[in-house]
Amino acid sequence: MKNLNLPVMIGILFSVIGLVSLFMSGQALTAAIWLSFGNGLLLTSLQFNRVNEQGISVKQPIPRVRVYAGILLIVMACALLILQILQDFQQM
């Protein structure tokens, strides 16, 4: 529970909202926006603990690949949001 900071909790909340919106409304684009943003926050913020040689629990650094993938997911969520806005304006 110590590694659940604010961005991780917000990421979990956004992912749950995306999953529920997919099941309840069936709108895949809206769910993809929520899920991409939530999973991006989770990837960039979640740190794990490990025990070092002296038996002390230390936080592992976040790998660069995970940070880049998380940033890519957040950017994709923004692009999908722009696509959703454009589609909504075209339907008017």
PDB file of N, CA and C in Angstrom:
ATOM      1  N   MET A   1       0.807  -1.194   0.000  1.00  0.00           N
ATOM      2  CA  MET A   1       0.000   0.000   0.000  1.00  0.00           C
ATOM      3  C   MET A   1       0.854   1.263   0.000  1.00  0.00           C
ATOM      4  N   LYS A   2       2.138   1.136   0.361  1.00  0.00           N
ATOM      5  CA  LYS A   2       2.978   2.326   0.423  1.00  0.00           C
ATOM      6  C   LYS A   2       3.268   2.905  -0.958  1.00  0.00           C
ATOM      7  N   ASN A   3       3.228   2.076  -2.002  1.00  0.00           N
ATOM      8  CA  ASN A   3       3.558   2.560  -3.332  1.00  0.00           C
ATOM      9  C   ASN A   3       2.344   3.111  -4.072  1.00  0.00           C
ATOM     10  N   LEU A   4       1.213   3.281  -3.392  1.00  0.00           N
ATOM     11  CA  LEU A   4       0.027   3.868  -4.021  1.00  0.00           C
ATOM     12  C   LEU A   4       0.010   5.371  -3.742  1.00  0.00           C
ATOM     13  N   ASN A   5       0.654   6.144  -4.598  1.00  0.00           N
ATOM     14  CA  ASN A   5       0.622   7.591  -4.463  1.00  0.00           C
ATOM     15  C   ASN A   5      -0.542   8.154  -5.275  1.00  0.00           C
ATOM     16  N   LEU A   6      -0.696   9.456  -5.294  1.00  0.00           N
ATOM     17  CA  LEU A   6      -1.845  10.087  -5.932  1.00  0.00           C
ATOM     18  C   LEU A   6      -1.952   9.779  -7.429  1.00  0.00           C
ATOM     19  N   PRO A   7      -0.878   9.896  -8.232  1.00  0.00           N
ATOM     20  CA  PRO A   7      -1.024   9.547  -9.659  1.00  0.00           C
ATOM     21  C   PRO A   7      -1.417   8.094  -9.896  1.00  0.00           C
ATOM     22  N   VAL A   8      -0.956   7.186  -9.045  1.00  0.00           N
ATOM     23  CA  VAL A   8      -1.321   5.777  -9.207  1.00  0.00           C
ATOM     24  C   VAL A   8      -2.800   5.586  -8.898  1.00  0.00           C
ATOM     25  N   MET A   9      -3.293   6.215  -7.850  1.00  0.00           N
ATOM     26  CA  MET A   9      -4.715   6.090  -7.518  1.00  0.00           C
ATOM     27  C   MET A   9      -5.601   6.719  -8.590  1.00  0.00           C
ATOM     28  N   ILE A  10      -5.178   7.854  -9.145  1.00  0.00           N
ATOM     29  CA  ILE A  10      -5.935   8.475 -10.229  1.00  0.00           C
ATOM     30  C   ILE A  10      -5.909   7.585 -11.464  1.00  0.00           C
ATOM     31  N   GLY A  11      -4.762   6.958 -11.751  1.00  0.00           N
ATOM     32  CA  GLY A  11      -4.663   6.038 -12.878  1.00  0.00           C
ATOM     33  C   GLY A  11      -5.583   4.844 -12.728  1.00  0.00           C
ATOM     34  N   ILE A  12      -5.655   4.300 -11.515  1.00  0.00           N
ATOM     35  CA  ILE A  12      -6.567   3.182 -11.267  1.00  0.00           C
ATOM     36  C   ILE A  12      -8.006   3.634 -11.446  1.00  0.00           C
ATOM     37  N   LEU A  13      -8.343   4.814 -10.933  1.00  0.00           N
ATOM     38  CA  LEU A  13      -9.699   5.344 -11.066  1.00  0.00           C
ATOM     39  C   LEU A  13     -10.075   5.548 -12.530  1.00  0.00           C
ATOM     40  N   PHE A  14      -9.181   6.126 -13.328  1.00  0.00           N
ATOM     41  CA  PHE A  14      -9.462   6.346 -14.748  1.00  0.00           C
ATOM     42  C   PHE A  14      -9.605   5.022 -15.493  1.00  0.00           C
ATOM     43  N   SER A  15      -8.790   4.039 -15.139  1.00  0.00           N
ATOM     44  CA  SER A  15      -8.896   2.736 -15.794  1.00  0.00           C
ATOM     45  C   SER A  15     -10.220   2.058 -15.460  1.00  0.00           C
ATOM     46  N   VAL A  16     -10.658   2.189 -14.220  1.00  0.00           N
ATOM     47  CA  VAL A  16     -11.945   1.614 -13.823  1.00  0.00           C
ATOM     48  C   VAL A  16     -13.088   2.328 -14.548  1.00  0.00           C
ATOM     49  N   ILE A  17     -13.012   3.647 -14.653  1.00  0.00           N
ATOM     50  CA  ILE A  17     -14.041   4.402 -15.372  1.00  0.00           C
ATOM     51  C   ILE A  17     -14.090   3.965 -16.835  1.00  0.00           C
ATOM     52  N   GLY A  18     -12.928   3.760 -17.455  1.00  0.00           N
ATOM     53  CA  GLY A  18     -12.886   3.305 -18.841  1.00  0.00           C
ATOM     54  C   GLY A  18     -13.484   1.926 -19.018  1.00  0.00           C
ATOM     55  N   LEU A  19     -13.182   1.031 -18.099  1.00  0.00           N
ATOM     56  CA  LEU A  19     -13.720  -0.329 -18.186  1.00  0.00           C
ATOM     57  C   LEU A  19     -15.234  -0.336 -17.982  1.00  0.00           C
ATOM     58  N   VAL A  20     -15.702   0.429 -17.017  1.00  0.00           N
ATOM     59  CA  VAL A  20     -17.146   0.496 -16.760  1.00  0.00           C
ATOM     60  C   VAL A  20     -17.874   1.154 -17.922  1.00  0.00           C
ATOM     61  N   SER A  21     -17.285   2.203 -18.488  1.00  0.00           N
ATOM     62  CA  SER A  21     -17.942   2.858 -19.624  1.00  0.00           C
ATOM     63  C   SER A  21     -17.987   1.946 -20.847  1.00  0.00           C
ATOM     64  N   LEU A  22     -16.991   1.093 -21.007  1.00  0.00           N
ATOM     65  CA  LEU A  22     -17.027   0.138 -22.110  1.00  0.00           C
ATOM     66  C   LEU A  22     -18.146  -0.877 -21.917  1.00  0.00           C
ATOM     67  N   PHE A  23     -18.285  -1.384 -20.704  1.00  0.00           N
ATOM     68  CA  PHE A  23     -19.318  -2.384 -20.451  1.00  0.00           C
ATOM     69  C   PHE A  23     -20.722  -1.787 -20.432  1.00  0.00           C
ATOM     70  N   MET A  24     -20.867  -0.579 -19.904  1.00  0.00           N
ATOM     71  CA  MET A  24     -22.196   0.004 -19.757  1.00  0.00           C
ATOM     72  C   MET A  24     -22.711   0.641 -21.044  1.00  0.00           C
ATOM     73  N   SER A  25     -21.862   1.414 -21.724  1.00  0.00           N
ATOM     74  CA  SER A  25     -22.336   2.139 -22.902  1.00  0.00           C
ATOM     75  C   SER A  25     -21.915   1.493 -24.216  1.00  0.00           C
ATOM     76  N   GLY A  26     -20.842   0.741 -24.212  1.00  0.00           N
ATOM     77  CA  GLY A  26     -20.377   0.101 -25.433  1.00  0.00           C
ATOM     78  C   GLY A  26     -19.640   1.040 -26.372  1.00  0.00           C
ATOM     79  N   GLN A  27     -19.321   2.239 -25.929  1.00  0.00           N
ATOM     80  CA  GLN A  27     -18.583   3.190 -26.759  1.00  0.00           C
ATOM     81  C   GLN A  27     -17.089   2.928 -26.595  1.00  0.00           C
ATOM     82  N   ALA A  28     -16.517   2.339 -27.614  1.00  0.00           N
ATOM     83  CA  ALA A  28     -15.120   1.914 -27.532  1.00  0.00           C
ATOM     84  C   ALA A  28     -14.150   3.096 -27.503  1.00  0.00           C
ATOM     85  N   LEU A  29     -14.458   4.162 -28.216  1.00  0.00           N
ATOM     86  CA  LEU A  29     -13.537   5.295 -28.265  1.00  0.00           C
ATOM     87  C   LEU A  29     -13.457   6.006 -26.916  1.00  0.00           C
ATOM     88  N   THR A  30     -14.584   6.199 -26.275  1.00  0.00           N
ATOM     89  CA  THR A  30     -14.584   6.835 -24.959  1.00  0.00           C
ATOM     90  C   THR A  30     -13.845   5.967 -23.949  1.00  0.00           C
ATOM     91  N   ALA A  31     -14.076   4.673 -23.991  1.00  0.00           N
ATOM     92  CA  ALA A  31     -13.382   3.766 -23.079  1.00  0.00           C
ATOM     93  C   ALA A  31     -11.886   3.756 -23.355  1.00  0.00           C
ATOM     94  N   ALA A  32     -11.493   3.822 -24.619  1.00  0.00           N
ATOM     95  CA  ALA A  32     -10.068   3.827 -24.962  1.00  0.00           C
ATOM     96  C   ALA A  32      -9.373   5.077 -24.439  1.00  0.00           C
ATOM     97  N   ILE A  33     -10.063   6.202 -24.453  1.00  0.00           N
ATOM     98  CA  ILE A  33      -9.486   7.443 -23.926  1.00  0.00           C
ATOM     99  C   ILE A  33      -9.219   7.293 -22.437  1.00  0.00           C
ATOM    100  N   TRP A  34     -10.232   6.853 -21.683  1.00  0.00           N
ATOM    101  CA  TRP A  34     -10.074   6.686 -20.241  1.00  0.00           C
ATOM    102  C   TRP A  34      -9.002   5.648 -19.913  1.00  0.00           C
ATOM    103  N   LEU A  35      -9.032   4.516 -20.608  1.00  0.00           N
ATOM    104  CA  LEU A  35      -8.076   3.458 -20.331  1.00  0.00           C
ATOM    105  C   LEU A  35      -6.649   3.861 -20.691  1.00  0.00           C
ATOM    106  N   SER A  36      -6.468   4.559 -21.798  1.00  0.00           N
ATOM    107  CA  SER A  36      -5.124   4.982 -22.196  1.00  0.00           C
ATOM    108  C   SER A  36      -4.539   5.959 -21.186  1.00  0.00           C
ATOM    109  N   PHE A  37      -5.350   6.900 -20.758  1.00  0.00           N
ATOM    110  CA  PHE A  37      -4.845   7.874 -19.797  1.00  0.00           C
ATOM    111  C   PHE A  37      -4.558   7.218 -18.451  1.00  0.00           C
ATOM    112  N   GLY A  38      -5.468   6.367 -17.992  1.00  0.00           N
ATOM    113  CA  GLY A  38      -5.258   5.694 -16.711  1.00  0.00           C
ATOM    114  C   GLY A  38      -4.058   4.769 -16.719  1.00  0.00           C
ATOM    115  N   ASN A  39      -3.914   3.976 -17.764  1.00  0.00           N
ATOM    116  CA  ASN A  39      -2.774   3.065 -17.852  1.00  0.00           C
ATOM    117  C   ASN A  39      -1.465   3.815 -18.050  1.00  0.00           C
ATOM    118  N   GLY A  40      -1.514   4.947 -18.748  1.00  0.00           N
ATOM    119  CA  GLY A  40      -0.314   5.770 -18.884  1.00  0.00           C
ATOM    120  C   GLY A  40       0.145   6.316 -17.542  1.00  0.00           C
ATOM    121  N   LEU A  41      -0.809   6.772 -16.734  1.00  0.00           N
ATOM    122  CA  LEU A  41      -0.448   7.238 -15.390  1.00  0.00           C
ATOM    123  C   LEU A  41       0.106   6.107 -14.542  1.00  0.00           C
ATOM    124  N   LEU A  42      -0.480   4.936 -14.662  1.00  0.00           N
ATOM    125  CA  LEU A  42       0.020   3.794 -13.893  1.00  0.00           C
ATOM    126  C   LEU A  42       1.445   3.424 -14.297  1.00  0.00           C
ATOM    127  N   LEU A  43       1.704   3.392 -15.589  1.00  0.00           N
ATOM    128  CA  LEU A  43       3.043   3.003 -16.053  1.00  0.00           C
ATOM    129  C   LEU A  43       4.106   3.996 -15.632  1.00  0.00           C
ATOM    130  N   THR A  44       3.781   5.283 -15.659  1.00  0.00           N
ATOM    131  CA  THR A  44       4.797   6.287 -15.342  1.00  0.00           C
ATOM    132  C   THR A  44       4.982   6.510 -13.850  1.00  0.00           C
ATOM    133  N   SER A  45       4.054   6.070 -13.012  1.00  0.00           N
ATOM    134  CA  SER A  45       4.108   6.427 -11.598  1.00  0.00           C
ATOM    135  C   SER A  45       4.320   5.269 -10.636  1.00  0.00           C
ATOM    136  N   LEU A  46       3.996   4.064 -11.003  1.00  0.00           N
ATOM    137  CA  LEU A  46       4.031   2.945 -10.065  1.00  0.00           C
ATOM    138  C   LEU A  46       5.465   2.482  -9.841  1.00  0.00           C
ATOM    139  N   GLN A  47       5.879   2.470  -8.575  1.00  0.00           N
ATOM    140  CA  GLN A  47       7.212   1.990  -8.208  1.00  0.00           C
ATOM    141  C   GLN A  47       7.074   0.751  -7.340  1.00  0.00           C
ATOM    142  N   PHE A  48       7.973  -0.186  -7.521  1.00  0.00           N
ATOM    143  CA  PHE A  48       7.968  -1.417  -6.749  1.00  0.00           C
ATOM    144  C   PHE A  48       9.117  -1.407  -5.750  1.00  0.00           C
ATOM    145  N   ASN A  49       8.959  -2.160  -4.682  1.00  0.00           N
ATOM    146  CA  ASN A  49      10.003  -2.291  -3.665  1.00  0.00           C
ATOM    147  C   ASN A  49      10.745  -3.603  -3.864  1.00  0.00           C
ATOM    148  N   ARG A  50      12.002  -3.615  -3.474  1.00  0.00           N
ATOM    149  CA  ARG A  50      12.789  -4.841  -3.474  1.00  0.00           C
ATOM    150  C   ARG A  50      13.696  -4.810  -2.251  1.00  0.00           C
ATOM    151  N   VAL A  51      14.174  -5.953  -1.880  1.00  0.00           N
ATOM    152  CA  VAL A  51      15.068  -6.065  -0.729  1.00  0.00           C
ATOM    153  C   VAL A  51      16.497  -6.143  -1.251  1.00  0.00           C
ATOM    154  N   ASN A  52      17.365  -5.251  -0.754  1.00  0.00           N
ATOM    155  CA  ASN A  52      18.751  -5.248  -1.223  1.00  0.00           C
ATOM    156  C   ASN A  52      19.588  -6.259  -0.433  1.00  0.00           C
ATOM    157  N   GLU A  53      20.900  -6.226  -0.620  1.00  0.00           N
ATOM    158  CA  GLU A  53      21.788  -7.207  -0.011  1.00  0.00           C
ATOM    159  C   GLU A  53      21.799  -7.114   1.511  1.00  0.00           C
ATOM    160  N   GLN A  54      21.578  -5.927   2.063  1.00  0.00           N
ATOM    161  CA  GLN A  54      21.593  -5.749   3.509  1.00  0.00           C
ATOM    162  C   GLN A  54      20.235  -6.071   4.150  1.00  0.00           C
ATOM    163  N   GLY A  55      19.252  -6.436   3.358  1.00  0.00           N
ATOM    164  CA  GLY A  55      17.938  -6.763   3.887  1.00  0.00           C
ATOM    165  C   GLY A  55      17.028  -5.568   4.061  1.00  0.00           C
ATOM    166  N   ILE A  56      17.407  -4.429   3.473  1.00  0.00           N
ATOM    167  CA  ILE A  56      16.614  -3.204   3.581  1.00  0.00           C
ATOM    168  C   ILE A  56      15.722  -3.100   2.349  1.00  0.00           C
ATOM    169  N   SER A  57      14.483  -2.719   2.565  1.00  0.00           N
ATOM    170  CA  SER A  57      13.536  -2.552   1.458  1.00  0.00           C
ATOM    171  C   SER A  57      13.761  -1.183   0.818  1.00  0.00           C
ATOM    172  N   VAL A  58      14.066  -1.184  -0.479  1.00  0.00           N
ATOM    173  CA  VAL A  58      14.299   0.056  -1.217  1.00  0.00           C
ATOM    174  C   VAL A  58      13.390   0.076  -2.445  1.00  0.00           C
ATOM    175  N   LYS A  59      13.078   1.286  -2.925  1.00  0.00           N
ATOM    176  CA  LYS A  59      12.252   1.427  -4.123  1.00  0.00           C
ATOM    177  C   LYS A  59      13.123   1.264  -5.363  1.00  0.00           C
ATOM    178  N   GLN A  60      12.610   0.488  -6.316  1.00  0.00           N
ATOM    179  CA  GLN A  60      13.322   0.314  -7.572  1.00  0.00           C
ATOM    180  C   GLN A  60      13.062   1.532  -8.452  1.00  0.00           C
ATOM    181  N   PRO A  61      14.034   1.941  -9.247  1.00  0.00           N
ATOM    182  CA  PRO A  61      13.771   3.025 -10.203  1.00  0.00           C
ATOM    183  C   PRO A  61      12.837   2.555 -11.313  1.00  0.00           C
ATOM    184  N   ILE A  62      12.091   3.500 -11.865  1.00  0.00           N
ATOM    185  CA  ILE A  62      11.168   3.169 -12.951  1.00  0.00           C
ATOM    186  C   ILE A  62      11.978   3.052 -14.240  1.00  0.00           C
ATOM    187  N   PRO A  63      11.870   1.935 -14.963  1.00  0.00           N
ATOM    188  CA  PRO A  63      12.629   1.777 -16.206  1.00  0.00           C
ATOM    189  C   PRO A  63      12.207   2.806 -17.255  1.00  0.00           C
ATOM    190  N   ARG A  64      13.168   3.226 -18.064  1.00  0.00           N
ATOM    191  CA  ARG A  64      12.887   4.237 -19.092  1.00  0.00           C
ATOM    192  C   ARG A  64      11.855   3.774 -20.099  1.00  0.00           C
ATOM    193  N   VAL A  65      11.883   2.507 -20.452  1.00  0.00           N
ATOM    194  CA  VAL A  65      10.934   1.976 -21.433  1.00  0.00           C
ATOM    195  C   VAL A  65       9.516   2.125 -20.910  1.00  0.00           C
ATOM    196  N   ARG A  66       9.318   1.863 -19.619  1.00  0.00           N
ATOM    197  CA  ARG A  66       7.997   2.002 -19.028  1.00  0.00           C
ATOM    198  C   ARG A  66       7.552   3.453 -19.004  1.00  0.00           C
ATOM    199  N   VAL A  67       8.466   4.368 -18.734  1.00  0.00           N
ATOM    200  CA  VAL A  67       8.125   5.794 -18.745  1.00  0.00           C
ATOM    201  C   VAL A  67       7.756   6.231 -20.160  1.00  0.00           C
ATOM    202  N   TYR A  68       8.535   5.804 -21.158  1.00  0.00           N
ATOM    203  CA  TYR A  68       8.230   6.176 -22.539  1.00  0.00           C
ATOM    204  C   TYR A  68       6.904   5.592 -23.003  1.00  0.00           C
ATOM    205  N   ALA A  69       6.623   4.338 -22.616  1.00  0.00           N
ATOM    206  CA  ALA A  69       5.340   3.725 -22.978  1.00  0.00           C
ATOM    207  C   ALA A  69       4.183   4.446 -22.305  1.00  0.00           C
ATOM    208  N   GLY A  70       4.361   4.853 -21.053  1.00  0.00           N
ATOM    209  CA  GLY A  70       3.323   5.599 -20.359  1.00  0.00           C
ATOM    210  C   GLY A  70       3.057   6.945 -20.985  1.00  0.00           C
ATOM    211  N   ILE A  71       4.119   7.645 -21.359  1.00  0.00           N
ATOM    212  CA  ILE A  71       3.959   8.944 -22.029  1.00  0.00           C
ATOM    213  C   ILE A  71       3.280   8.763 -23.378  1.00  0.00           C
ATOM    214  N   LEU A  72       3.633   7.693 -24.098  1.00  0.00           N
ATOM    215  CA  LEU A  72       2.992   7.408 -25.371  1.00  0.00           C
ATOM    216  C   LEU A  72       1.498   7.152 -25.189  1.00  0.00           C
ATOM    217  N   LEU A  73       1.121   6.437 -24.139  1.00  0.00           N
ATOM    218  CA  LEU A  73      -0.293   6.184 -23.875  1.00  0.00           C
ATOM    219  C   LEU A  73      -1.041   7.475 -23.535  1.00  0.00           C
ATOM    220  N   ILE A  74      -0.412   8.366 -22.782  1.00  0.00           N
ATOM    221  CA  ILE A  74      -1.059   9.639 -22.441  1.00  0.00           C
ATOM    222  C   ILE A  74      -1.223  10.498 -23.688  1.00  0.00           C
ATOM    223  N   VAL A  75      -0.208  10.523 -24.556  1.00  0.00           N
ATOM    224  CA  VAL A  75      -0.303  11.282 -25.808  1.00  0.00           C
ATOM    225  C   VAL A  75      -1.377  10.670 -26.709  1.00  0.00           C
ATOM    226  N   MET A  76      -1.458   9.340 -26.745  1.00  0.00           N
ATOM    227  CA  MET A  76      -2.487   8.683 -27.535  1.00  0.00           C
ATOM    228  C   MET A  76      -3.879   8.999 -26.991  1.00  0.00           C
ATOM    229  N   ALA A  77      -4.009   9.096 -25.673  1.00  0.00           N
ATOM    230  CA  ALA A  77      -5.302   9.460 -25.086  1.00  0.00           C
ATOM    231  C   ALA A  77      -5.711  10.868 -25.511  1.00  0.00           C
ATOM    232  N   CYS A  78      -4.751  11.786 -25.556  1.00  0.00           N
ATOM    233  CA  CYS A  78      -5.055  13.155 -26.009  1.00  0.00           C
ATOM    234  C   CYS A  78      -5.453  13.157 -27.482  1.00  0.00           C
ATOM    235  N   ALA A  79      -4.761  12.376 -28.300  1.00  0.00           N
ATOM    236  CA  ALA A  79      -5.108  12.301 -29.720  1.00  0.00           C
ATOM    237  C   ALA A  79      -6.488  11.682 -29.924  1.00  0.00           C
ATOM    238  N   LEU A  80      -6.808  10.660 -29.148  1.00  0.00           N
ATOM    239  CA  LEU A  80      -8.134  10.055 -29.238  1.00  0.00           C
ATOM    240  C   LEU A  80      -9.221  11.016 -28.769  1.00  0.00           C
ATOM    241  N   LEU A  81      -8.909  11.831 -27.774  1.00  0.00           N
ATOM    242  CA  LEU A  81      -9.871  12.829 -27.315  1.00  0.00           C
ATOM    243  C   LEU A  81     -10.140  13.862 -28.397  1.00  0.00           C
ATOM    244  N   ILE A  82      -9.107  14.285 -29.095  1.00  0.00           N
ATOM    245  CA  ILE A  82      -9.293  15.223 -30.211  1.00  0.00           C
ATOM    246  C   ILE A  82     -10.122  14.567 -31.308  1.00  0.00           C
ATOM    247  N   LEU A  83      -9.870  13.300 -31.598  1.00  0.00           N
ATOM    248  CA  LEU A  83     -10.666  12.571 -32.587  1.00  0.00           C
ATOM    249  C   LEU A  83     -12.131  12.487 -32.161  1.00  0.00           C
ATOM    250  N   GLN A  84     -12.378  12.235 -30.880  1.00  0.00           N
ATOM    251  CA  GLN A  84     -13.745  12.176 -30.365  1.00  0.00           C
ATOM    252  C   GLN A  84     -14.442  13.529 -30.512  1.00  0.00           C
ATOM    253  N   ILE A  85     -13.731  14.595 -30.220  1.00  0.00           N
ATOM    254  CA  ILE A  85     -14.314  15.943 -30.356  1.00  0.00           C
ATOM    255  C   ILE A  85     -14.649  16.228 -31.811  1.00  0.00           C
ATOM    256  N   LEU A  86     -13.737  15.877 -32.719  1.00  0.00           N
ATOM    257  CA  LEU A  86     -13.990  16.108 -34.147  1.00  0.00           C
ATOM    258  C   LEU A  86     -15.195  15.298 -34.631  1.00  0.00           C
ATOM    259  N   GLN A  87     -15.316  14.060 -34.178  1.00  0.00           N
ATOM    260  CA  GLN A  87     -16.470  13.249 -34.569  1.00  0.00           C
ATOM    261  C   GLN A  87     -17.771  13.819 -34.007  1.00  0.00           C
ATOM    262  N   ASP A  88     -17.729  14.333 -32.786  1.00  0.00           N
ATOM    263  CA  ASP A  88     -18.941  14.916 -32.206  1.00  0.00           C
ATOM    264  C   ASP A  88     -19.365  16.165 -32.950  1.00  0.00           C
ATOM    265  N   PHE A  89     -18.420  16.975 -33.399  1.00  0.00           N
ATOM    266  CA  PHE A  89     -18.778  18.181 -34.149  1.00  0.00           C
ATOM    267  C   PHE A  89     -19.299  17.844 -35.543  1.00  0.00           C
ATOM    268  N   GLN A  90     -18.822  16.757 -36.143  1.00  0.00           N
ATOM    269  CA  GLN A  90     -19.300  16.369 -37.451  1.00  0.00           C
ATOM    270  C   GLN A  90     -20.719  15.809 -37.414  1.00  0.00           C
ATOM    271  N   GLN A  91     -21.126  15.269 -36.280  1.00  0.00           N
ATOM    272  CA  GLN A  91     -22.468  14.715 -36.164  1.00  0.00           C
ATOM    273  C   GLN A  91     -23.523  15.786 -35.931  1.00  0.00           C
ATOM    274  N   MET A  92     -23.116  16.976 -35.588  1.00  0.00           N
ATOM    275  CA  MET A  92     -24.080  18.048 -35.336  1.00  0.00           C
ATOM    276  C   MET A  92     -24.716  18.550 -36.603  1.00  0.00           C
TER     277      MET A  92
END
